[in-house]
Full PDB file with SEQRES, HELIX, SHEET, SSBOND, CRYST1, ORIGX, SCALE, CONECT and MASTER records, all heavy atoms in Angstrom:
SEQRES   1 A   31  ALA GLY LEU VAL PRO PRO GLU THR VAL ARG TYR VAL SER          
SEQRES   2 A   31  ALA ASP LEU ALA GLN PRO HIS TRP GLN ASP ALA LEU LEU          
SEQRES   3 A   31  ARG CYS PRO GLY PHE                                          
HELIX    1 AA1 GLN A   22  ARG A   27  1                                   6    
CRYST1    1.000    1.000    1.000  90.00  90.00  90.00 P 1           1          
ORIGX1      1.000000  0.000000  0.000000        0.00000                         
ORIGX2      0.000000  1.000000  0.000000        0.00000                         
ORIGX3      0.000000  0.000000  1.000000        0.00000                         
SCALE1      1.000000  0.000000  0.000000        0.00000                         
SCALE2      0.000000  1.000000  0.000000        0.00000                         
SCALE3      0.000000  0.000000  1.000000        0.00000                         
ATOM      1  N   ALA A   1     104.724 108.989 116.997  1.00  0.00           N  
ATOM      2  CA  ALA A   1     103.719 108.100 117.328  1.00  0.00           C  
ATOM      3  C   ALA A   1     104.076 106.630 117.324  1.00  0.00           C  
ATOM      4  O   ALA A   1     103.405 105.724 117.741  1.00  0.00           O  
ATOM      5  CB  ALA A   1     102.405 108.308 116.503  1.00  0.00           C  
ATOM      6  N   GLY A   2     105.328 106.496 116.762  1.00  0.00           N  
ATOM      7  CA  GLY A   2     105.778 104.988 116.663  1.00  0.00           C  
ATOM      8  C   GLY A   2     105.145 104.296 115.588  1.00  0.00           C  
ATOM      9  O   GLY A   2     105.037 102.996 115.584  1.00  0.00           O  
ATOM     10  N   LEU A   3     104.666 104.990 114.557  1.00  0.00           N  
ATOM     11  CA  LEU A   3     103.887 104.300 113.463  1.00  0.00           C  
ATOM     12  C   LEU A   3     104.961 104.151 112.328  1.00  0.00           C  
ATOM     13  O   LEU A   3     105.502 105.170 111.746  1.00  0.00           O  
ATOM     14  CB  LEU A   3     102.736 105.101 112.962  1.00  0.00           C  
ATOM     15  CG  LEU A   3     101.581 105.257 114.037  1.00  0.00           C  
ATOM     16  CD1 LEU A   3     100.541 106.248 113.556  1.00  0.00           C  
ATOM     17  CD2 LEU A   3     100.963 103.917 114.370  1.00  0.00           C  
ATOM     18  N   VAL A   4     105.090 102.962 111.926  1.00  0.00           N  
ATOM     19  CA  VAL A   4     106.047 102.589 110.727  1.00  0.00           C  
ATOM     20  C   VAL A   4     105.226 102.186 109.606  1.00  0.00           C  
ATOM     21  O   VAL A   4     104.622 101.044 109.656  1.00  0.00           O  
ATOM     22  CB  VAL A   4     107.002 101.483 111.225  1.00  0.00           C  
ATOM     23  CG1 VAL A   4     107.988 101.264 109.984  1.00  0.00           C  
ATOM     24  CG2 VAL A   4     107.763 101.957 112.457  1.00  0.00           C  
ATOM     25  N   PRO A   5     105.072 102.936 108.588  1.00  0.00           N  
ATOM     26  CA  PRO A   5     104.348 102.494 107.348  1.00  0.00           C  
ATOM     27  C   PRO A   5     104.962 101.309 106.646  1.00  0.00           C  
ATOM     28  O   PRO A   5     106.201 100.971 106.838  1.00  0.00           O  
ATOM     29  CB  PRO A   5     104.351 103.709 106.457  1.00  0.00           C  
ATOM     30  CG  PRO A   5     104.766 104.904 107.372  1.00  0.00           C  
ATOM     31  CD  PRO A   5     105.628 104.261 108.425  1.00  0.00           C  
ATOM     32  N   PRO A   6     104.229 100.524 106.029  1.00  0.00           N  
ATOM     33  CA  PRO A   6     104.607  99.378 105.225  1.00  0.00           C  
ATOM     34  C   PRO A   6     105.732  99.786 104.141  1.00  0.00           C  
ATOM     35  O   PRO A   6     105.792 100.934 103.708  1.00  0.00           O  
ATOM     36  CB  PRO A   6     103.397  98.768 104.642  1.00  0.00           C  
ATOM     37  CG  PRO A   6     102.260  99.213 105.470  1.00  0.00           C  
ATOM     38  CD  PRO A   6     102.700 100.591 105.870  1.00  0.00           C  
ATOM     39  N   GLU A   7     106.437  98.849 103.693  1.00  0.00           N  
ATOM     40  CA  GLU A   7     107.511  99.101 102.683  1.00  0.00           C  
ATOM     41  C   GLU A   7     106.825  99.545 101.354  1.00  0.00           C  
ATOM     42  O   GLU A   7     107.549 100.021 100.498  1.00  0.00           O  
ATOM     43  CB  GLU A   7     108.379  97.942 102.513  1.00  0.00           C  
ATOM     44  CG  GLU A   7     109.193  97.608 103.802  1.00  0.00           C  
ATOM     45  CD  GLU A   7     110.205  96.477 103.566  1.00  0.00           C  
ATOM     46  OE1 GLU A   7     110.124  95.823 102.401  1.00  0.00           O  
ATOM     47  OE2 GLU A   7     110.952  96.157 104.449  1.00  0.00           O  
ATOM     48  N   THR A   8     105.583  99.163 101.166  1.00  0.00           N  
ATOM     49  CA  THR A   8     104.930  99.496  99.827  1.00  0.00           C  
ATOM     50  C   THR A   8     104.506 101.080  99.812  1.00  0.00           C  
ATOM     51  O   THR A   8     103.927 101.415  98.773  1.00  0.00           O  
ATOM     52  CB  THR A   8     103.626  98.706  99.728  1.00  0.00           C  
ATOM     53  OG1 THR A   8     102.807  98.749 100.949  1.00  0.00           O  
ATOM     54  CG2 THR A   8     104.039  97.177  99.541  1.00  0.00           C  
ATOM     55  N   VAL A   9     104.744 101.770 100.769  1.00  0.00           N  
ATOM     56  CA  VAL A   9     104.390 103.139 100.873  1.00  0.00           C  
ATOM     57  C   VAL A   9     105.506 104.136 100.450  1.00  0.00           C  
ATOM     58  O   VAL A   9     106.623 103.929 101.006  1.00  0.00           O  
ATOM     59  CB  VAL A   9     103.799 103.590 102.231  1.00  0.00           C  
ATOM     60  CG1 VAL A   9     103.331 105.002 102.263  1.00  0.00           C  
ATOM     61  CG2 VAL A   9     102.685 102.613 102.654  1.00  0.00           C  
ATOM     62  N   ARG A  10     105.275 105.085  99.697  1.00  0.00           N  
ATOM     63  CA  ARG A  10     106.215 106.079  99.389  1.00  0.00           C  
ATOM     64  C   ARG A  10     105.661 107.492  99.575  1.00  0.00           C  
ATOM     65  O   ARG A  10     104.480 107.811  99.327  1.00  0.00           O  
ATOM     66  CB  ARG A  10     106.595 106.046  97.862  1.00  0.00           C  
ATOM     67  CG  ARG A  10     107.276 104.726  97.512  1.00  0.00           C  
ATOM     68  CD  ARG A  10     108.694 104.590  98.101  1.00  0.00           C  
ATOM     69  NE  ARG A  10     109.384 103.342  97.557  1.00  0.00           N  
ATOM     70  CZ  ARG A  10     109.344 102.149  98.365  1.00  0.00           C  
ATOM     71  NH1 ARG A  10     108.561 102.176  99.416  1.00  0.00           N  
ATOM     72  NH2 ARG A  10     109.984 101.092  97.912  1.00  0.00           N  
ATOM     73  N   TYR A  11     106.462 108.395 100.059  1.00  0.00           N  
ATOM     74  CA  TYR A  11     106.064 109.748 100.339  1.00  0.00           C  
ATOM     75  C   TYR A  11     106.729 110.707  99.328  1.00  0.00           C  
ATOM     76  O   TYR A  11     108.010 110.641  99.139  1.00  0.00           O  
ATOM     77  CB  TYR A  11     106.415 110.269 101.790  1.00  0.00           C  
ATOM     78  CG  TYR A  11     105.702 109.388 102.826  1.00  0.00           C  
ATOM     79  CD1 TYR A  11     106.295 108.226 103.416  1.00  0.00           C  
ATOM     80  CD2 TYR A  11     104.334 109.634 103.163  1.00  0.00           C  
ATOM     81  CE1 TYR A  11     105.548 107.435 104.311  1.00  0.00           C  
ATOM     82  CE2 TYR A  11     103.641 108.882 104.108  1.00  0.00           C  
ATOM     83  CZ  TYR A  11     104.264 107.777 104.614  1.00  0.00           C  
ATOM     84  OH  TYR A  11     103.552 107.020 105.499  1.00  0.00           O  
ATOM     85  N   VAL A  12     105.929 111.547  98.729  1.00  0.00           N  
ATOM     86  CA  VAL A  12     106.425 112.315  97.587  1.00  0.00           C  
ATOM     87  C   VAL A  12     106.121 113.824  97.913  1.00  0.00           C  
ATOM     88  O   VAL A  12     104.881 114.184  98.159  1.00  0.00           O  
ATOM     89  CB  VAL A  12     105.687 111.968  96.275  1.00  0.00           C  
ATOM     90  CG1 VAL A  12     106.413 112.863  95.159  1.00  0.00           C  
ATOM     91  CG2 VAL A  12     105.879 110.574  95.986  1.00  0.00           C  
ATOM     92  N   SER A  13     107.158 114.611  98.137  1.00  0.00           N  
ATOM     93  CA  SER A  13     107.014 116.033  98.490  1.00  0.00           C  
ATOM     94  C   SER A  13     106.920 116.787  97.123  1.00  0.00           C  
ATOM     95  O   SER A  13     107.762 116.737  96.227  1.00  0.00           O  
ATOM     96  CB  SER A  13     108.176 116.558  99.236  1.00  0.00           C  
ATOM     97  OG  SER A  13     108.262 116.003 100.457  1.00  0.00           O  
ATOM     98  N   ALA A  14     105.787 117.488  96.897  1.00  0.00           N  
ATOM     99  CA  ALA A  14     105.508 118.149  95.693  1.00  0.00           C  
ATOM    100  C   ALA A  14     104.426 119.216  95.842  1.00  0.00           C  
ATOM    101  O   ALA A  14     103.468 118.923  96.643  1.00  0.00           O  
ATOM    102  CB  ALA A  14     105.115 117.297  94.502  1.00  0.00           C  
ATOM    103  N   ASP A  15     104.589 120.394  95.347  1.00  0.00           N  
ATOM    104  CA  ASP A  15     103.631 121.461  95.395  1.00  0.00           C  
ATOM    105  C   ASP A  15     102.714 121.331  94.118  1.00  0.00           C  
ATOM    106  O   ASP A  15     103.103 121.704  93.108  1.00  0.00           O  
ATOM    107  CB  ASP A  15     104.335 122.778  95.452  1.00  0.00           C  
ATOM    108  CG  ASP A  15     103.418 124.010  95.699  1.00  0.00           C  
ATOM    109  OD1 ASP A  15     102.134 123.724  95.518  1.00  0.00           O  
ATOM    110  OD2 ASP A  15     103.783 125.041  96.051  1.00  0.00           O  
ATOM    111  N   LEU A  16     101.519 120.961  94.324  1.00  0.00           N  
ATOM    112  CA  LEU A  16     100.641 120.737  93.245  1.00  0.00           C  
ATOM    113  C   LEU A  16     100.203 122.061  92.460  1.00  0.00           C  
ATOM    114  O   LEU A  16      99.817 121.950  91.326  1.00  0.00           O  
ATOM    115  CB  LEU A  16      99.302 120.141  93.799  1.00  0.00           C  
ATOM    116  CG  LEU A  16      99.405 118.734  94.340  1.00  0.00           C  
ATOM    117  CD1 LEU A  16      98.052 118.219  94.924  1.00  0.00           C  
ATOM    118  CD2 LEU A  16      99.974 117.644  93.340  1.00  0.00           C  
ATOM    119  N   ALA A  17     100.520 123.156  93.143  1.00  0.00           N  
ATOM    120  CA  ALA A  17     100.261 124.460  92.414  1.00  0.00           C  
ATOM    121  C   ALA A  17     101.414 124.828  91.503  1.00  0.00           C  
ATOM    122  O   ALA A  17     101.289 125.790  90.728  1.00  0.00           O  
ATOM    123  CB  ALA A  17     100.172 125.554  93.528  1.00  0.00           C  
ATOM    124  N   GLN A  18     102.481 124.059  91.489  1.00  0.00           N  
ATOM    125  CA  GLN A  18     103.621 124.353  90.635  1.00  0.00           C  
ATOM    126  C   GLN A  18     103.586 123.503  89.413  1.00  0.00           C  
ATOM    127  O   GLN A  18     103.165 122.415  89.394  1.00  0.00           O  
ATOM    128  CB  GLN A  18     104.942 124.091  91.441  1.00  0.00           C  
ATOM    129  CG  GLN A  18     105.169 125.096  92.656  1.00  0.00           C  
ATOM    130  CD  GLN A  18     105.095 126.561  92.306  1.00  0.00           C  
ATOM    131  OE1 GLN A  18     105.731 126.903  91.265  1.00  0.00           O  
ATOM    132  NE2 GLN A  18     104.456 127.336  93.043  1.00  0.00           N  
ATOM    133  N   PRO A  19     104.182 124.050  88.260  1.00  0.00           N  
ATOM    134  CA  PRO A  19     104.286 123.270  87.054  1.00  0.00           C  
ATOM    135  C   PRO A  19     105.214 122.083  87.212  1.00  0.00           C  
ATOM    136  O   PRO A  19     106.131 122.097  88.008  1.00  0.00           O  
ATOM    137  CB  PRO A  19     104.822 124.276  86.039  1.00  0.00           C  
ATOM    138  CG  PRO A  19     104.540 125.627  86.597  1.00  0.00           C  
ATOM    139  CD  PRO A  19     104.642 125.374  88.096  1.00  0.00           C  
ATOM    140  N   HIS A  20     104.795 121.049  86.545  1.00  0.00           N  
ATOM    141  CA  HIS A  20     105.609 119.796  86.489  1.00  0.00           C  
ATOM    142  C   HIS A  20     105.797 119.069  87.904  1.00  0.00           C  
ATOM    143  O   HIS A  20     106.762 118.389  88.113  1.00  0.00           O  
ATOM    144  CB  HIS A  20     107.070 120.084  85.971  1.00  0.00           C  
ATOM    145  CG  HIS A  20     107.045 120.855  84.671  1.00  0.00           C  
ATOM    146  ND1 HIS A  20     106.452 120.388  83.533  1.00  0.00           N  
ATOM    147  CD2 HIS A  20     107.519 122.108  84.390  1.00  0.00           C  
ATOM    148  CE1 HIS A  20     106.672 121.248  82.560  1.00  0.00           C  
ATOM    149  NE2 HIS A  20     107.165 122.305  83.031  1.00  0.00           N  
ATOM    150  N   TRP A  21     104.815 119.317  88.776  1.00  0.00           N  
ATOM    151  CA  TRP A  21     104.796 118.664  90.114  1.00  0.00           C  
ATOM    152  C   TRP A  21     104.928 117.171  89.961  1.00  0.00           C  
ATOM    153  O   TRP A  21     105.495 116.414  90.663  1.00  0.00           O  
ATOM    154  CB  TRP A  21     103.593 118.991  90.962  1.00  0.00           C  
ATOM    155  CG  TRP A  21     102.335 118.560  90.291  1.00  0.00           C  
ATOM    156  CD1 TRP A  21     101.563 119.200  89.487  1.00  0.00           C  
ATOM    157  CD2 TRP A  21     101.700 117.228  90.371  1.00  0.00           C  
ATOM    158  NE1 TRP A  21     100.457 118.478  89.111  1.00  0.00           N  
ATOM    159  CE2 TRP A  21     100.616 117.277  89.632  1.00  0.00           C  
ATOM    160  CE3 TRP A  21     102.100 116.055  91.086  1.00  0.00           C  
ATOM    161  CZ2 TRP A  21      99.840 116.096  89.498  1.00  0.00           C  
ATOM    162  CZ3 TRP A  21     101.363 114.856  90.895  1.00  0.00           C  
ATOM    163  CH2 TRP A  21     100.182 114.920  90.109  1.00  0.00           C  
ATOM    164  N   GLN A  22     104.305 116.608  88.831  1.00  0.00           N  
ATOM    165  CA  GLN A  22     104.227 115.152  88.592  1.00  0.00           C  
ATOM    166  C   GLN A  22     105.616 114.539  88.310  1.00  0.00           C  
ATOM    167  O   GLN A  22     105.734 113.289  88.386  1.00  0.00           O  
ATOM    168  CB  GLN A  22     103.281 114.867  87.468  1.00  0.00           C  
ATOM    169  CG  GLN A  22     103.682 115.403  86.150  1.00  0.00           C  
ATOM    170  CD  GLN A  22     103.166 116.766  85.749  1.00  0.00           C  
ATOM    171  OE1 GLN A  22     103.114 117.586  86.761  1.00  0.00           O  
ATOM    172  NE2 GLN A  22     102.912 117.058  84.561  1.00  0.00           N  
ATOM    173  N   ASP A  23     106.580 115.323  88.026  1.00  0.00           N  
ATOM    174  CA  ASP A  23     107.933 114.717  87.878  1.00  0.00           C  
ATOM    175  C   ASP A  23     108.423 114.071  89.076  1.00  0.00           C  
ATOM    176  O   ASP A  23     109.148 113.092  88.991  1.00  0.00           O  
ATOM    177  CB  ASP A  23     108.966 115.861  87.381  1.00  0.00           C  
ATOM    178  CG  ASP A  23     108.609 116.387  86.004  1.00  0.00           C  
ATOM    179  OD1 ASP A  23     107.815 115.764  85.320  1.00  0.00           O  
ATOM    180  OD2 ASP A  23     109.230 117.432  85.687  1.00  0.00           O  
ATOM    181  N   ALA A  24     108.075 114.649  90.177  1.00  0.00           N  
ATOM    182  CA  ALA A  24     108.556 114.024  91.502  1.00  0.00           C  
ATOM    183  C   ALA A  24     107.860 112.600  91.633  1.00  0.00           C  
ATOM    184  O   ALA A  24     108.553 111.678  92.185  1.00  0.00           O  
ATOM    185  CB  ALA A  24     108.158 114.888  92.708  1.00  0.00           C  
ATOM    186  N   LEU A  25     106.624 112.531  91.252  1.00  0.00           N  
ATOM    187  CA  LEU A  25     105.959 111.144  91.303  1.00  0.00           C  
ATOM    188  C   LEU A  25     106.536 110.202  90.302  1.00  0.00           C  
ATOM    189  O   LEU A  25     106.847 109.066  90.677  1.00  0.00           O  
ATOM    190  CB  LEU A  25     104.498 111.309  91.105  1.00  0.00           C  
ATOM    191  CG  LEU A  25     103.600 110.070  91.185  1.00  0.00           C  
ATOM    192  CD1 LEU A  25     103.725 109.467  92.501  1.00  0.00           C  
ATOM    193  CD2 LEU A  25     102.168 110.428  90.845  1.00  0.00           C  
ATOM    194  N   LEU A  26     106.835 110.692  89.126  1.00  0.00           N  
ATOM    195  CA  LEU A  26     107.376 109.813  88.076  1.00  0.00           C  
ATOM    196  C   LEU A  26     108.747 109.303  88.511  1.00  0.00           C  
ATOM    197  O   LEU A  26     109.216 108.200  88.139  1.00  0.00           O  
ATOM    198  CB  LEU A  26     107.512 110.597  86.814  1.00  0.00           C  
ATOM    199  CG  LEU A  26     106.130 110.841  86.068  1.00  0.00           C  
ATOM    200  CD1 LEU A  26     106.325 111.799  84.910  1.00  0.00           C  
ATOM    201  CD2 LEU A  26     105.614 109.463  85.548  1.00  0.00           C  
ATOM    202  N   ARG A  27     109.524 110.053  89.250  1.00  0.00           N  
ATOM    203  CA  ARG A  27     110.797 109.723  89.666  1.00  0.00           C  
ATOM    204  C   ARG A  27     110.759 108.774  90.875  1.00  0.00           C  
ATOM    205  O   ARG A  27     111.807 108.118  91.218  1.00  0.00           O  
ATOM    206  CB  ARG A  27     111.683 110.910  90.099  1.00  0.00           C  
ATOM    207  CG  ARG A  27     112.013 111.798  88.934  1.00  0.00           C  
ATOM    208  CD  ARG A  27     113.161 112.808  89.337  1.00  0.00           C  
ATOM    209  NE  ARG A  27     112.775 113.591  90.455  1.00  0.00           N  
ATOM    210  CZ  ARG A  27     112.180 114.843  90.267  1.00  0.00           C  
ATOM    211  NH1 ARG A  27     111.923 115.315  88.987  1.00  0.00           N  
ATOM    212  NH2 ARG A  27     111.848 115.563  91.321  1.00  0.00           N  
ATOM    213  N   CYS A  28     109.631 108.633  91.549  1.00  0.00           N  
ATOM    214  CA  CYS A  28     109.499 107.888  92.756  1.00  0.00           C  
ATOM    215  C   CYS A  28     109.710 106.366  92.512  1.00  0.00           C  
ATOM    216  O   CYS A  28     108.989 105.875  91.561  1.00  0.00           O  
ATOM    217  CB  CYS A  28     108.202 108.106  93.411  1.00  0.00           C  
ATOM    218  SG  CYS A  28     108.054 107.431  95.088  1.00  0.00           S  
ATOM    219  N   PRO A  29     110.601 105.643  93.227  1.00  0.00           N  
ATOM    220  CA  PRO A  29     110.789 104.179  92.912  1.00  0.00           C  
ATOM    221  C   PRO A  29     109.529 103.461  93.127  1.00  0.00           C  
ATOM    222  O   PRO A  29     108.716 103.734  94.168  1.00  0.00           O  
ATOM    223  CB  PRO A  29     111.790 103.868  94.078  1.00  0.00           C  
ATOM    224  CG  PRO A  29     112.569 105.097  94.366  1.00  0.00           C  
ATOM    225  CD  PRO A  29     111.470 106.176  94.238  1.00  0.00           C  
ATOM    226  N   GLY A  30     109.220 102.559  92.168  1.00  0.00           N  
ATOM    227  CA  GLY A  30     108.053 101.809  92.288  1.00  0.00           C  
ATOM    228  C   GLY A  30     106.813 102.287  91.605  1.00  0.00           C  
ATOM    229  O   GLY A  30     105.891 101.551  91.228  1.00  0.00           O  
ATOM    230  N   PHE A  31     106.774 103.591  91.176  1.00  0.00           N  
ATOM    231  CA  PHE A  31     105.672 104.220  90.566  1.00  0.00           C  
ATOM    232  C   PHE A  31     105.746 103.730  89.080  1.00  0.00           C  
ATOM    233  O   PHE A  31     106.739 103.839  88.478  1.00  0.00           O  
ATOM    234  CB  PHE A  31     105.532 105.726  90.678  1.00  0.00           C  
ATOM    235  CG  PHE A  31     104.437 106.248  89.937  1.00  0.00           C  
ATOM    236  CD1 PHE A  31     103.160 106.205  90.486  1.00  0.00           C  
ATOM    237  CD2 PHE A  31     104.505 106.776  88.599  1.00  0.00           C  
ATOM    238  CE1 PHE A  31     101.978 106.675  89.808  1.00  0.00           C  
ATOM    239  CE2 PHE A  31     103.423 107.344  87.986  1.00  0.00           C  
ATOM    240  CZ  PHE A  31     102.185 107.258  88.454  1.00  0.00           C  
TER     241      PHE A  31                                                      
MASTER        0    0    0    1    0    0    0    6  240    1    0    3          
END                                                                             
């Protein structure tokens, strides 16, 4: 679509049904 999100946006791939999914968020730069 040619949509470029702002630099303040981060995308985190994680399966919420799995244990320790939050580790991916904690490792995300800026969080």
